[in-house]
Amino acid sequence: MSAQERLTDALYGAGWGTVKKLPEPVAVRLGRTIADVAWKQRGKGVLRLESNYARVVPDAGPERLAELSLAGMRSYLRYWMESFRLPAWSAERIASGLDVKDLHHLTDGMAAGKGVVLALPHLANWDLAGAWVTTKLGIPFTTVAERLKPETLYDRFVAYREGLGMEVLPHTGGTAFGTLARRLRDGGLVCLVADRDLSSSGVEVGFFGETARMPAGPALLAQQTGARLLPVTLWYDDSPVMRGRVHPPVEVPASGTRAEKTSVMTQALADAFATGIADHPEDWHMLQRLWLKDLDPARDPATSPAPDQEGTTS
């Protein structure tokens, strides 16, 4: 393990070990302070966030984009402060921490017994949403986690999410899809963060007027198992309670090849994600490159820099 990896692991360990012990108002103030300092430093993540917001809000000038990126960093650190503290929250605090519109799409799908796939973008706090599902609704679910470096950091995330009642599978290794399909055929619930493709073999979609690539997994799982596919969007307001919406089911097209059906369904997910992101852009924690013009300089050689590593939101 490199020195940088050891430092990263130690910082996250300190977060889970220390922040969860702080009184909530203190943790809130700490998160905002860290966000403001990071924003003022104008590092790669902040610049990328601002660049992504420029596509979401194309008529925003430099001043508006700066306001958005500051609000975005504060939202991002709220996510981290909440996540560090979640293991110490009571069941009552978790159950009261989220208010969801149109929840019947999920509960009706589970009652049908054919399984449900929830697909979310990196909006607000998806970990809190997961803990709410296992705690408030009493529904266990399976998810997939990106393998982080160092391995000890990945282990921390797995232990953290398993402690919240989730079954966590590694993104790499080739066995996750089969396990997810089995869970769905048994009538279970699968939750996937699905607005950024990690395999480079995803589906190209139109997203805020340009082409991006999103994972095919949610659509393929729904096709192969008969599970209901539901987009979910989350957001913060000025209260301690996070808000959410379960969107109507994405239907499997009646005709077409598997690839054609997957393309149509993934585009429908992207459209639902875009609706939630456009309404609450500051809560979209996308500090990485997403659009193909940014990922592949050949797509736009005049304006696109070479890809680099800009961290992870996990």
C-alpha atoms as a PDB file:
ATOM      1  CA  MET A   1       0.000   0.000   0.000  1.00  0.00           C
ATOM      2  CA  SER A   2       1.357   3.398  -0.975  1.00  0.00           C
ATOM      3  CA  ALA A   3       1.700   6.291   1.456  1.00  0.00           C
ATOM      4  CA  GLN A   4      -1.188   8.075  -0.287  1.00  0.00           C
ATOM      5  CA  GLU A   5      -3.408   5.009   0.062  1.00  0.00           C
ATOM      6  CA  ARG A   6      -2.548   4.658   3.737  1.00  0.00           C
ATOM      7  CA  LEU A   7      -3.406   8.326   4.279  1.00  0.00           C
ATOM      8  CA  THR A   8      -6.712   7.945   2.437  1.00  0.00           C
ATOM      9  CA  ASP A   9      -7.657   4.897   4.464  1.00  0.00           C
ATOM     10  CA  ALA A  10      -6.684   6.627   7.710  1.00  0.00           C
ATOM     11  CA  LEU A  11      -8.772   9.706   6.887  1.00  0.00           C
ATOM     12  CA  TYR A  12     -11.882   7.678   6.145  1.00  0.00           C
ATOM     13  CA  GLY A  13     -11.274   5.609   9.268  1.00  0.00           C
ATOM     14  CA  ALA A  14     -11.039   8.797  11.310  1.00  0.00           C
ATOM     15  CA  GLY A  15     -14.277  10.010   9.763  1.00  0.00           C
ATOM     16  CA  TRP A  16     -16.227   6.917  10.750  1.00  0.00           C
ATOM     17  CA  GLY A  17     -14.540   6.765  14.123  1.00  0.00           C
ATOM     18  CA  THR A  18     -14.775  10.432  15.104  1.00  0.00           C
ATOM     19  CA  VAL A  19     -17.538  12.219  13.200  1.00  0.00           C
ATOM     20  CA  LYS A  20     -20.208   9.748  14.292  1.00  0.00           C
ATOM     21  CA  LYS A  21     -19.484  10.729  17.908  1.00  0.00           C
ATOM     22  CA  LEU A  22     -20.036  14.443  17.323  1.00  0.00           C
ATOM     23  CA  PRO A  23     -23.319  16.152  18.188  1.00  0.00           C
ATOM     24  CA  GLU A  24     -25.307  16.585  14.995  1.00  0.00           C
ATOM     25  CA  PRO A  25     -25.111  20.426  14.908  1.00  0.00           C
ATOM     26  CA  VAL A  26     -21.323  20.204  15.278  1.00  0.00           C
ATOM     27  CA  ALA A  27     -21.070  17.680  12.442  1.00  0.00           C
ATOM     28  CA  VAL A  28     -23.221  19.906  10.230  1.00  0.00           C
ATOM     29  CA  ARG A  29     -20.983  22.925  10.860  1.00  0.00           C
ATOM     30  CA  LEU A  30     -17.853  20.845  10.306  1.00  0.00           C
ATOM     31  CA  GLY A  31     -19.144  19.588   6.990  1.00  0.00           C
ATOM     32  CA  ARG A  32     -19.949  23.080   5.778  1.00  0.00           C
ATOM     33  CA  THR A  33     -16.533  24.366   6.848  1.00  0.00           C
ATOM     34  CA  ILE A  34     -14.723  21.576   4.990  1.00  0.00           C
ATOM     35  CA  ALA A  35     -16.891  22.172   1.929  1.00  0.00           C
ATOM     36  CA  ASP A  36     -16.146  25.900   1.903  1.00  0.00           C
ATOM     37  CA  VAL A  37     -12.402  25.349   2.267  1.00  0.00           C
ATOM     38  CA  ALA A  38     -12.361  22.752  -0.523  1.00  0.00           C
ATOM     39  CA  TRP A  39     -14.402  25.032  -2.771  1.00  0.00           C
ATOM     40  CA  LYS A  40     -12.044  27.962  -2.259  1.00  0.00           C
ATOM     41  CA  GLN A  41      -9.061  25.792  -3.231  1.00  0.00           C
ATOM     42  CA  ARG A  42     -10.619  25.182  -6.683  1.00  0.00           C
ATOM     43  CA  GLY A  43      -9.181  21.667  -7.015  1.00  0.00           C
ATOM     44  CA  LYS A  44      -9.922  19.151  -9.765  1.00  0.00           C
ATOM     45  CA  GLY A  45     -13.095  17.855  -8.159  1.00  0.00           C
ATOM     46  CA  VAL A  46     -14.601  21.325  -7.720  1.00  0.00           C
ATOM     47  CA  LEU A  47     -13.705  22.347 -11.269  1.00  0.00           C
ATOM     48  CA  ARG A  48     -15.176  19.141 -12.658  1.00  0.00           C
ATOM     49  CA  LEU A  49     -18.339  19.625 -10.619  1.00  0.00           C
ATOM     50  CA  GLU A  50     -18.682  23.140 -11.999  1.00  0.00           C
ATOM     51  CA  SER A  51     -18.070  21.915 -15.538  1.00  0.00           C
ATOM     52  CA  ASN A  52     -20.773  19.275 -15.144  1.00  0.00           C
ATOM     53  CA  TYR A  53     -23.196  21.845 -13.767  1.00  0.00           C
ATOM     54  CA  ALA A  54     -22.553  23.984 -16.837  1.00  0.00           C
ATOM     55  CA  ARG A  55     -24.238  21.255 -18.895  1.00  0.00           C
ATOM     56  CA  VAL A  56     -27.123  20.854 -16.478  1.00  0.00           C
ATOM     57  CA  VAL A  57     -27.752  24.612 -16.341  1.00  0.00           C
ATOM     58  CA  PRO A  58     -26.514  25.773 -19.774  1.00  0.00           C
ATOM     59  CA  ASP A  59     -27.654  29.374 -19.359  1.00  0.00           C
ATOM     60  CA  ALA A  60     -25.739  29.848 -16.103  1.00  0.00           C
ATOM     61  CA  GLY A  61     -22.941  32.405 -16.162  1.00  0.00           C
ATOM     62  CA  PRO A  62     -19.711  32.181 -14.167  1.00  0.00           C
ATOM     63  CA  GLU A  63     -21.245  33.702 -11.033  1.00  0.00           C
ATOM     64  CA  ARG A  64     -24.193  31.297 -11.049  1.00  0.00           C
ATOM     65  CA  LEU A  65     -21.916  28.316 -11.681  1.00  0.00           C
ATOM     66  CA  ALA A  66     -19.735  29.355  -8.758  1.00  0.00           C
ATOM     67  CA  GLU A  67     -22.816  29.546  -6.532  1.00  0.00           C
ATOM     68  CA  LEU A  68     -23.904  26.115  -7.728  1.00  0.00           C
ATOM     69  CA  SER A  69     -20.525  24.511  -7.146  1.00  0.00           C
ATOM     70  CA  LEU A  70     -20.357  25.964  -3.624  1.00  0.00           C
ATOM     71  CA  ALA A  71     -23.843  24.631  -2.888  1.00  0.00           C
ATOM     72  CA  GLY A  72     -22.805  21.345  -4.500  1.00  0.00           C
ATOM     73  CA  MET A  73     -19.768  20.959  -2.260  1.00  0.00           C
ATOM     74  CA  ARG A  74     -21.872  21.719   0.802  1.00  0.00           C
ATOM     75  CA  SER A  75     -24.378  19.087  -0.299  1.00  0.00           C
ATOM     76  CA  TYR A  76     -21.553  16.627  -0.960  1.00  0.00           C
ATOM     77  CA  LEU A  77     -20.110  17.155   2.527  1.00  0.00           C
ATOM     78  CA  ARG A  78     -23.571  16.824   4.029  1.00  0.00           C
ATOM     79  CA  TYR A  79     -23.646  13.399   2.385  1.00  0.00           C
ATOM     80  CA  TRP A  80     -20.318  12.492   3.993  1.00  0.00           C
ATOM     81  CA  MET A  81     -21.190  13.837   7.437  1.00  0.00           C
ATOM     82  CA  GLU A  82     -24.471  11.919   7.384  1.00  0.00           C
ATOM     83  CA  SER A  83     -22.779   8.781   6.108  1.00  0.00           C
ATOM     84  CA  PHE A  84     -20.098   8.870   8.785  1.00  0.00           C
ATOM     85  CA  ARG A  85     -22.826   9.259  11.398  1.00  0.00           C
ATOM     86  CA  LEU A  86     -25.371   6.773  10.033  1.00  0.00           C
ATOM     87  CA  PRO A  87     -23.982   3.771  11.964  1.00  0.00           C
ATOM     88  CA  ALA A  88     -24.676   5.673  15.198  1.00  0.00           C
ATOM     89  CA  TRP A  89     -28.180   6.818  14.253  1.00  0.00           C
ATOM     90  CA  SER A  90     -31.109   5.184  15.986  1.00  0.00           C
ATOM     91  CA  ALA A  91     -33.716   3.309  13.975  1.00  0.00           C
ATOM     92  CA  GLU A  92     -36.111   6.178  14.696  1.00  0.00           C
ATOM     93  CA  ARG A  93     -33.646   8.776  13.374  1.00  0.00           C
ATOM     94  CA  ILE A  94     -33.114   6.808  10.162  1.00  0.00           C
ATOM     95  CA  ALA A  95     -36.858   6.216   9.695  1.00  0.00           C
ATOM     96  CA  SER A  96     -37.572   9.939  10.068  1.00  0.00           C
ATOM     97  CA  GLY A  97     -34.657  10.997   7.867  1.00  0.00           C
ATOM     98  CA  LEU A  98     -36.347  10.539   4.488  1.00  0.00           C
ATOM     99  CA  ASP A  99     -39.714  11.507   3.023  1.00  0.00           C
ATOM    100  CA  VAL A 100     -40.579   9.717  -0.242  1.00  0.00           C
ATOM    101  CA  LYS A 101     -43.171  10.596  -2.854  1.00  0.00           C
ATOM    102  CA  ASP A 102     -44.929   7.882  -4.869  1.00  0.00           C
ATOM    103  CA  LEU A 103     -43.599   5.079  -2.704  1.00  0.00           C
ATOM    104  CA  HIS A 104     -46.424   2.870  -3.977  1.00  0.00           C
ATOM    105  CA  HIS A 105     -44.393   2.120  -7.101  1.00  0.00           C
ATOM    106  CA  LEU A 106     -41.921   0.274  -4.877  1.00  0.00           C
ATOM    107  CA  THR A 107     -44.363  -1.336  -2.453  1.00  0.00           C
ATOM    108  CA  ASP A 108     -46.672  -2.490  -5.259  1.00  0.00           C
ATOM    109  CA  GLY A 109     -43.701  -3.955  -7.098  1.00  0.00           C
ATOM    110  CA  MET A 110     -42.522  -5.858  -4.046  1.00  0.00           C
ATOM    111  CA  ALA A 111     -46.040  -7.140  -3.415  1.00  0.00           C
ATOM    112  CA  ALA A 112     -46.173  -8.529  -6.953  1.00  0.00           C
ATOM    113  CA  GLY A 113     -43.365 -10.911  -5.997  1.00  0.00           C
ATOM    114  CA  LYS A 114     -41.290 -10.531  -9.159  1.00  0.00           C
ATOM    115  CA  GLY A 115     -38.563  -8.380  -7.672  1.00  0.00           C
ATOM    116  CA  VAL A 116     -37.743  -4.687  -8.047  1.00  0.00           C
ATOM    117  CA  VAL A 117     -34.665  -2.856  -9.348  1.00  0.00           C
ATOM    118  CA  LEU A 118     -34.217   0.667  -7.979  1.00  0.00           C
ATOM    119  CA  ALA A 119     -31.833   2.773 -10.088  1.00  0.00           C
ATOM    120  CA  LEU A 120     -30.477   6.037  -8.682  1.00  0.00           C
ATOM    121  CA  PRO A 121     -28.105   8.790  -9.779  1.00  0.00           C
ATOM    122  CA  HIS A 122     -25.492  10.304  -7.439  1.00  0.00           C
ATOM    123  CA  LEU A 123     -28.090  12.610  -5.882  1.00  0.00           C
ATOM    124  CA  ALA A 124     -28.094  13.571  -2.187  1.00  0.00           C
ATOM    125  CA  ASN A 125     -27.507  10.555   0.106  1.00  0.00           C
ATOM    126  CA  TRP A 126     -28.177   7.165  -1.459  1.00  0.00           C
ATOM    127  CA  ASP A 127     -26.746   5.415   1.621  1.00  0.00           C
ATOM    128  CA  LEU A 128     -29.357   7.070   3.842  1.00  0.00           C
ATOM    129  CA  ALA A 129     -32.036   6.045   1.351  1.00  0.00           C
ATOM    130  CA  GLY A 130     -30.800   2.466   1.556  1.00  0.00           C
ATOM    131  CA  ALA A 131     -30.761   2.497   5.344  1.00  0.00           C
ATOM    132  CA  TRP A 132     -34.302   3.912   5.286  1.00  0.00           C
ATOM    133  CA  VAL A 133     -35.471   1.048   3.067  1.00  0.00           C
ATOM    134  CA  THR A 134     -34.024  -1.594   5.380  1.00  0.00           C
ATOM    135  CA  THR A 135     -35.139   0.194   8.571  1.00  0.00           C
ATOM    136  CA  LYS A 136     -38.423   1.954   7.817  1.00  0.00           C
ATOM    137  CA  LEU A 137     -39.757  -0.509   5.250  1.00  0.00           C
ATOM    138  CA  GLY A 138     -38.011  -3.574   6.625  1.00  0.00           C
ATOM    139  CA  ILE A 139     -36.938  -4.652   3.135  1.00  0.00           C
ATOM    140  CA  PRO A 140     -33.417  -6.071   2.745  1.00  0.00           C
ATOM    141  CA  PHE A 141     -31.708  -5.486  -0.579  1.00  0.00           C
ATOM    142  CA  THR A 142     -28.614  -6.229  -2.597  1.00  0.00           C
ATOM    143  CA  THR A 143     -26.316  -3.655  -4.144  1.00  0.00           C
ATOM    144  CA  VAL A 144     -22.949  -3.407  -5.874  1.00  0.00           C
ATOM    145  CA  ALA A 145     -19.919  -1.425  -4.711  1.00  0.00           C
ATOM    146  CA  GLU A 146     -17.056  -0.100  -6.787  1.00  0.00           C
ATOM    147  CA  ARG A 147     -13.737  -1.624  -5.763  1.00  0.00           C
ATOM    148  CA  LEU A 148     -11.749   1.215  -4.216  1.00  0.00           C
ATOM    149  CA  LYS A 149      -8.055   1.515  -3.526  1.00  0.00           C
ATOM    150  CA  PRO A 150      -6.642   0.683  -1.084  1.00  0.00           C
ATOM    151  CA  GLU A 151      -8.454  -2.611  -0.516  1.00  0.00           C
ATOM    152  CA  THR A 152      -8.836  -1.735   3.158  1.00  0.00           C
ATOM    153  CA  LEU A 153     -10.942   1.283   2.154  1.00  0.00           C
ATOM    154  CA  TYR A 154     -13.202  -0.935   0.049  1.00  0.00           C
ATOM    155  CA  ASP A 155     -13.531  -3.257   3.048  1.00  0.00           C
ATOM    156  CA  ARG A 156     -14.557  -0.290   5.196  1.00  0.00           C
ATOM    157  CA  PHE A 157     -17.320   0.645   2.751  1.00  0.00           C
ATOM    158  CA  VAL A 158     -18.576  -2.935   2.547  1.00  0.00           C
ATOM    159  CA  ALA A 159     -18.631  -3.291   6.342  1.00  0.00           C
ATOM    160  CA  TYR A 160     -20.350   0.093   6.677  1.00  0.00           C
ATOM    161  CA  ARG A 161     -23.107  -0.755   4.184  1.00  0.00           C
ATOM    162  CA  GLU A 162     -23.567  -4.275   5.484  1.00  0.00           C
ATOM    163  CA  GLY A 163     -23.965  -2.741   8.941  1.00  0.00           C
ATOM    164  CA  LEU A 164     -26.897  -0.759   7.525  1.00  0.00           C
ATOM    165  CA  GLY A 165     -28.589  -3.962   6.359  1.00  0.00           C
ATOM    166  CA  MET A 166     -27.399  -4.150   2.754  1.00  0.00           C
ATOM    167  CA  GLU A 167     -25.917  -7.135   0.921  1.00  0.00           C
ATOM    168  CA  VAL A 168     -22.911  -5.745  -0.954  1.00  0.00           C
ATOM    169  CA  LEU A 169     -21.339  -7.389  -4.004  1.00  0.00           C
ATOM    170  CA  PRO A 170     -18.080  -6.274  -5.664  1.00  0.00           C
ATOM    171  CA  HIS A 171     -18.500  -4.520  -9.010  1.00  0.00           C
ATOM    172  CA  THR A 172     -15.668  -6.512 -10.545  1.00  0.00           C
ATOM    173  CA  GLY A 173     -15.233 -10.260 -10.658  1.00  0.00           C
ATOM    174  CA  GLY A 174     -18.009 -11.273 -13.043  1.00  0.00           C
ATOM    175  CA  THR A 175     -20.396 -12.892 -10.530  1.00  0.00           C
ATOM    176  CA  ALA A 176     -22.425  -9.877  -9.410  1.00  0.00           C
ATOM    177  CA  PHE A 177     -24.957  -9.957 -12.265  1.00  0.00           C
ATOM    178  CA  GLY A 178     -25.863 -13.591 -11.683  1.00  0.00           C
ATOM    179  CA  THR A 179     -26.323 -13.048  -7.958  1.00  0.00           C
ATOM    180  CA  LEU A 180     -28.469  -9.957  -8.547  1.00  0.00           C
ATOM    181  CA  ALA A 181     -30.637 -11.907 -10.997  1.00  0.00           C
ATOM    182  CA  ARG A 182     -31.140 -14.698  -8.453  1.00  0.00           C
ATOM    183  CA  ARG A 183     -32.178 -12.205  -5.786  1.00  0.00           C
ATOM    184  CA  LEU A 184     -34.739 -10.701  -8.151  1.00  0.00           C
ATOM    185  CA  ARG A 185     -36.148 -14.072  -9.229  1.00  0.00           C
ATOM    186  CA  ASP A 186     -36.678 -14.772  -5.535  1.00  0.00           C
ATOM    187  CA  GLY A 187     -38.777 -11.595  -5.336  1.00  0.00           C
ATOM    188  CA  GLY A 188     -36.054  -9.472  -3.765  1.00  0.00           C
ATOM    189  CA  LEU A 189     -34.923  -5.886  -4.101  1.00  0.00           C
ATOM    190  CA  VAL A 190     -31.810  -4.657  -5.906  1.00  0.00           C
ATOM    191  CA  CYS A 191     -30.573  -1.037  -5.632  1.00  0.00           C
ATOM    192  CA  LEU A 192     -27.987   0.329  -8.076  1.00  0.00           C
ATOM    193  CA  VAL A 193     -26.387   3.754  -8.489  1.00  0.00           C
ATOM    194  CA  ALA A 194     -26.616   3.956 -12.263  1.00  0.00           C
ATOM    195  CA  ASP A 195     -25.681   7.339 -13.720  1.00  0.00           C
ATOM    196  CA  ARG A 196     -22.012   6.582 -14.428  1.00  0.00           C
ATOM    197  CA  ASP A 197     -20.709   3.573 -16.334  1.00  0.00           C
ATOM    198  CA  LEU A 198     -17.712   1.926 -14.689  1.00  0.00           C
ATOM    199  CA  SER A 199     -17.150  -0.757 -17.329  1.00  0.00           C
ATOM    200  CA  SER A 200     -16.667   1.288 -20.524  1.00  0.00           C
ATOM    201  CA  SER A 201     -19.217  -1.078 -22.099  1.00  0.00           C
ATOM    202  CA  GLY A 202     -22.363   0.747 -21.096  1.00  0.00           C
ATOM    203  CA  VAL A 203     -25.167   2.232 -23.139  1.00  0.00           C
ATOM    204  CA  GLU A 204     -24.853   5.597 -24.854  1.00  0.00           C
ATOM    205  CA  VAL A 205     -27.670   7.966 -23.892  1.00  0.00           C
ATOM    206  CA  GLY A 206     -28.624  11.537 -24.534  1.00  0.00           C
ATOM    207  CA  PHE A 207     -28.129  13.455 -21.300  1.00  0.00           C
ATOM    208  CA  PHE A 208     -28.611  17.209 -21.083  1.00  0.00           C
ATOM    209  CA  GLY A 209     -28.097  17.560 -24.825  1.00  0.00           C
ATOM    210  CA  GLU A 210     -24.893  15.514 -25.138  1.00  0.00           C
ATOM    211  CA  THR A 211     -23.918  11.860 -25.166  1.00  0.00           C
ATOM    212  CA  ALA A 212     -23.008  10.034 -21.980  1.00  0.00           C
ATOM    213  CA  ARG A 213     -22.626   6.356 -21.155  1.00  0.00           C
ATOM    214  CA  MET A 214     -24.664   4.655 -18.446  1.00  0.00           C
ATOM    215  CA  PRO A 215     -24.641   1.069 -17.225  1.00  0.00           C
ATOM    216  CA  ALA A 216     -26.795  -1.522 -18.982  1.00  0.00           C
ATOM    217  CA  GLY A 217     -27.223  -3.635 -15.850  1.00  0.00           C
ATOM    218  CA  PRO A 218     -30.558  -2.270 -14.548  1.00  0.00           C
ATOM    219  CA  ALA A 219     -32.292  -2.706 -17.907  1.00  0.00           C
ATOM    220  CA  LEU A 220     -30.786  -6.142 -18.514  1.00  0.00           C
ATOM    221  CA  LEU A 221     -31.786  -7.355 -15.073  1.00  0.00           C
ATOM    222  CA  ALA A 222     -35.374  -6.206 -15.611  1.00  0.00           C
ATOM    223  CA  GLN A 223     -35.517  -7.945 -18.992  1.00  0.00           C
ATOM    224  CA  GLN A 224     -34.047 -11.216 -17.830  1.00  0.00           C
ATOM    225  CA  THR A 225     -35.962 -11.556 -14.561  1.00  0.00           C
ATOM    226  CA  GLY A 226     -39.260  -9.737 -15.096  1.00  0.00           C
ATOM    227  CA  ALA A 227     -38.478  -7.419 -12.188  1.00  0.00           C
ATOM    228  CA  ARG A 228     -39.956  -3.922 -12.068  1.00  0.00           C
ATOM    229  CA  LEU A 229     -37.407  -1.202 -12.933  1.00  0.00           C
ATOM    230  CA  LEU A 230     -37.903   2.037 -11.022  1.00  0.00           C
ATOM    231  CA  PRO A 231     -35.854   5.250 -11.231  1.00  0.00           C
ATOM    232  CA  VAL A 232     -35.428   7.088  -7.928  1.00  0.00           C
ATOM    233  CA  THR A 233     -34.267  10.657  -7.375  1.00  0.00           C
ATOM    234  CA  LEU A 234     -33.295  12.276  -4.077  1.00  0.00           C
ATOM    235  CA  TRP A 235     -32.710  15.821  -2.901  1.00  0.00           C
ATOM    236  CA  TYR A 236     -32.119  17.999   0.128  1.00  0.00           C
ATOM    237  CA  ASP A 237     -34.045  21.022   1.272  1.00  0.00           C
ATOM    238  CA  ASP A 238     -33.458  23.309   4.243  1.00  0.00           C
ATOM    239  CA  SER A 239     -34.684  20.729   6.739  1.00  0.00           C
ATOM    240  CA  PRO A 240     -32.816  17.760   8.282  1.00  0.00           C
ATOM    241  CA  VAL A 241     -35.101  15.449   6.274  1.00  0.00           C
ATOM    242  CA  MET A 242     -33.993  14.263   2.826  1.00  0.00           C
ATOM    243  CA  ARG A 243     -36.652  14.095   0.112  1.00  0.00           C
ATOM    244  CA  GLY A 244     -37.129  11.476  -2.554  1.00  0.00           C
ATOM    245  CA  ARG A 245     -39.350  10.350  -5.393  1.00  0.00           C
ATOM    246  CA  VAL A 246     -39.943   6.922  -6.883  1.00  0.00           C
ATOM    247  CA  HIS A 247     -40.657   7.449 -10.580  1.00  0.00           C
ATOM    248  CA  PRO A 248     -43.087   5.319 -12.620  1.00  0.00           C
ATOM    249  CA  PRO A 249     -41.785   1.955 -13.886  1.00  0.00           C
ATOM    250  CA  VAL A 250     -39.584   1.774 -16.958  1.00  0.00           C
ATOM    251  CA  GLU A 251     -41.324  -0.771 -19.143  1.00  0.00           C
ATOM    252  CA  VAL A 252     -39.603  -3.373 -21.300  1.00  0.00           C
ATOM    253  CA  PRO A 253     -40.361  -2.546 -24.971  1.00  0.00           C
ATOM    254  CA  ALA A 254     -42.661  -5.019 -26.662  1.00  0.00           C
ATOM    255  CA  SER A 255     -40.363  -5.495 -29.645  1.00  0.00           C
ATOM    256  CA  GLY A 256     -36.723  -5.173 -30.637  1.00  0.00           C
ATOM    257  CA  THR A 257     -33.489  -6.979 -29.936  1.00  0.00           C
ATOM    258  CA  ARG A 258     -32.116  -7.206 -26.419  1.00  0.00           C
ATOM    259  CA  ALA A 259     -29.634  -4.440 -27.231  1.00  0.00           C
ATOM    260  CA  GLU A 260     -32.395  -2.233 -28.651  1.00  0.00           C
ATOM    261  CA  LYS A 261     -34.600  -2.773 -25.616  1.00  0.00           C
ATOM    262  CA  THR A 262     -31.689  -2.058 -23.300  1.00  0.00           C
ATOM    263  CA  SER A 263     -30.948   1.180 -25.129  1.00  0.00           C
ATOM    264  CA  VAL A 264     -34.558   2.383 -24.864  1.00  0.00           C
ATOM    265  CA  MET A 265     -34.821   1.494 -21.180  1.00  0.00           C
ATOM    266  CA  THR A 266     -31.489   3.047 -20.236  1.00  0.00           C
ATOM    267  CA  GLN A 267     -32.477   6.242 -22.042  1.00  0.00           C
ATOM    268  CA  ALA A 268     -35.698   6.283 -20.010  1.00  0.00           C
ATOM    269  CA  LEU A 269     -33.623   6.007 -16.821  1.00  0.00           C
ATOM    270  CA  ALA A 270     -31.372   8.833 -18.008  1.00  0.00           C
ATOM    271  CA  ASP A 271     -34.422  11.013 -18.686  1.00  0.00           C
ATOM    272  CA  ALA A 272     -35.798  10.380 -15.184  1.00  0.00           C
ATOM    273  CA  PHE A 273     -32.381  11.115 -13.657  1.00  0.00           C
ATOM    274  CA  ALA A 274     -32.163  14.329 -15.686  1.00  0.00           C
ATOM    275  CA  THR A 275     -35.525  15.482 -14.324  1.00  0.00           C
ATOM    276  CA  GLY A 276     -34.337  15.098 -10.731  1.00  0.00           C
ATOM    277  CA  ILE A 277     -30.916  16.594 -11.410  1.00  0.00           C
ATOM    278  CA  ALA A 278     -32.348  19.598 -13.250  1.00  0.00           C
ATOM    279  CA  ASP A 279     -34.668  20.303 -10.312  1.00  0.00           C
ATOM    280  CA  HIS A 280     -31.836  20.022  -7.754  1.00  0.00           C
ATOM    281  CA  PRO A 281     -28.493  20.349  -9.556  1.00  0.00           C
ATOM    282  CA  GLU A 282     -26.596  21.261  -6.382  1.00  0.00           C
ATOM    283  CA  ASP A 283     -27.397  17.806  -4.934  1.00  0.00           C
ATOM    284  CA  TRP A 284     -25.843  15.913  -7.862  1.00  0.00           C
ATOM    285  CA  HIS A 285     -22.439  14.835  -6.579  1.00  0.00           C
ATOM    286  CA  MET A 286     -20.747  14.139  -9.903  1.00  0.00           C
ATOM    287  CA  LEU A 287     -17.123  15.138  -9.377  1.00  0.00           C
ATOM    288  CA  GLN A 288     -15.927  12.914 -12.234  1.00  0.00           C
ATOM    289  CA  ARG A 289     -15.987  13.066 -16.005  1.00  0.00           C
ATOM    290  CA  LEU A 290     -19.258  11.721 -17.394  1.00  0.00           C
ATOM    291  CA  TRP A 291     -19.927  12.927 -20.928  1.00  0.00           C
ATOM    292  CA  LEU A 292     -18.094  11.208 -23.759  1.00  0.00           C
ATOM    293  CA  LYS A 293     -16.592  14.477 -24.976  1.00  0.00           C
ATOM    294  CA  ASP A 294     -14.815  14.717 -21.647  1.00  0.00           C
ATOM    295  CA  LEU A 295     -13.835  11.054 -21.478  1.00  0.00           C
ATOM    296  CA  ASP A 296     -12.605  10.740 -25.068  1.00  0.00           C
ATOM    297  CA  PRO A 297     -10.656  13.710 -26.492  1.00  0.00           C
ATOM    298  CA  ALA A 298     -11.222  12.360 -30.002  1.00  0.00           C
ATOM    299  CA  ARG A 299     -14.879  13.237 -29.631  1.00  0.00           C
ATOM    300  CA  ASP A 300     -14.037  16.929 -29.283  1.00  0.00           C
ATOM    301  CA  PRO A 301     -10.307  17.555 -29.720  1.00  0.00           C
ATOM    302  CA  ALA A 302     -10.691  21.316 -29.637  1.00  0.00           C
ATOM    303  CA  THR A 303     -12.047  21.463 -26.103  1.00  0.00           C
ATOM    304  CA  SER A 304     -11.583  18.157 -24.281  1.00  0.00           C
ATOM    305  CA  PRO A 305      -8.552  17.567 -22.078  1.00  0.00           C
ATOM    306  CA  ALA A 306      -7.116  14.114 -21.586  1.00  0.00           C
ATOM    307  CA  PRO A 307      -8.828  11.931 -19.012  1.00  0.00           C
ATOM    308  CA  ASP A 308      -7.408  11.772 -15.538  1.00  0.00           C
ATOM    309  CA  GLN A 309      -8.318  10.453 -12.122  1.00  0.00           C
ATOM    310  CA  GLU A 310     -10.553  12.771 -10.153  1.00  0.00           C
ATOM    311  CA  GLY A 311     -11.536  10.701  -7.147  1.00  0.00           C
ATOM    312  CA  THR A 312     -14.680   8.795  -6.367  1.00  0.00           C
ATOM    313  CA  THR A 313     -17.991   9.393  -4.686  1.00  0.00           C
ATOM    314  CA  SER A 314     -18.393   5.642  -4.276  1.00  0.00           C
END
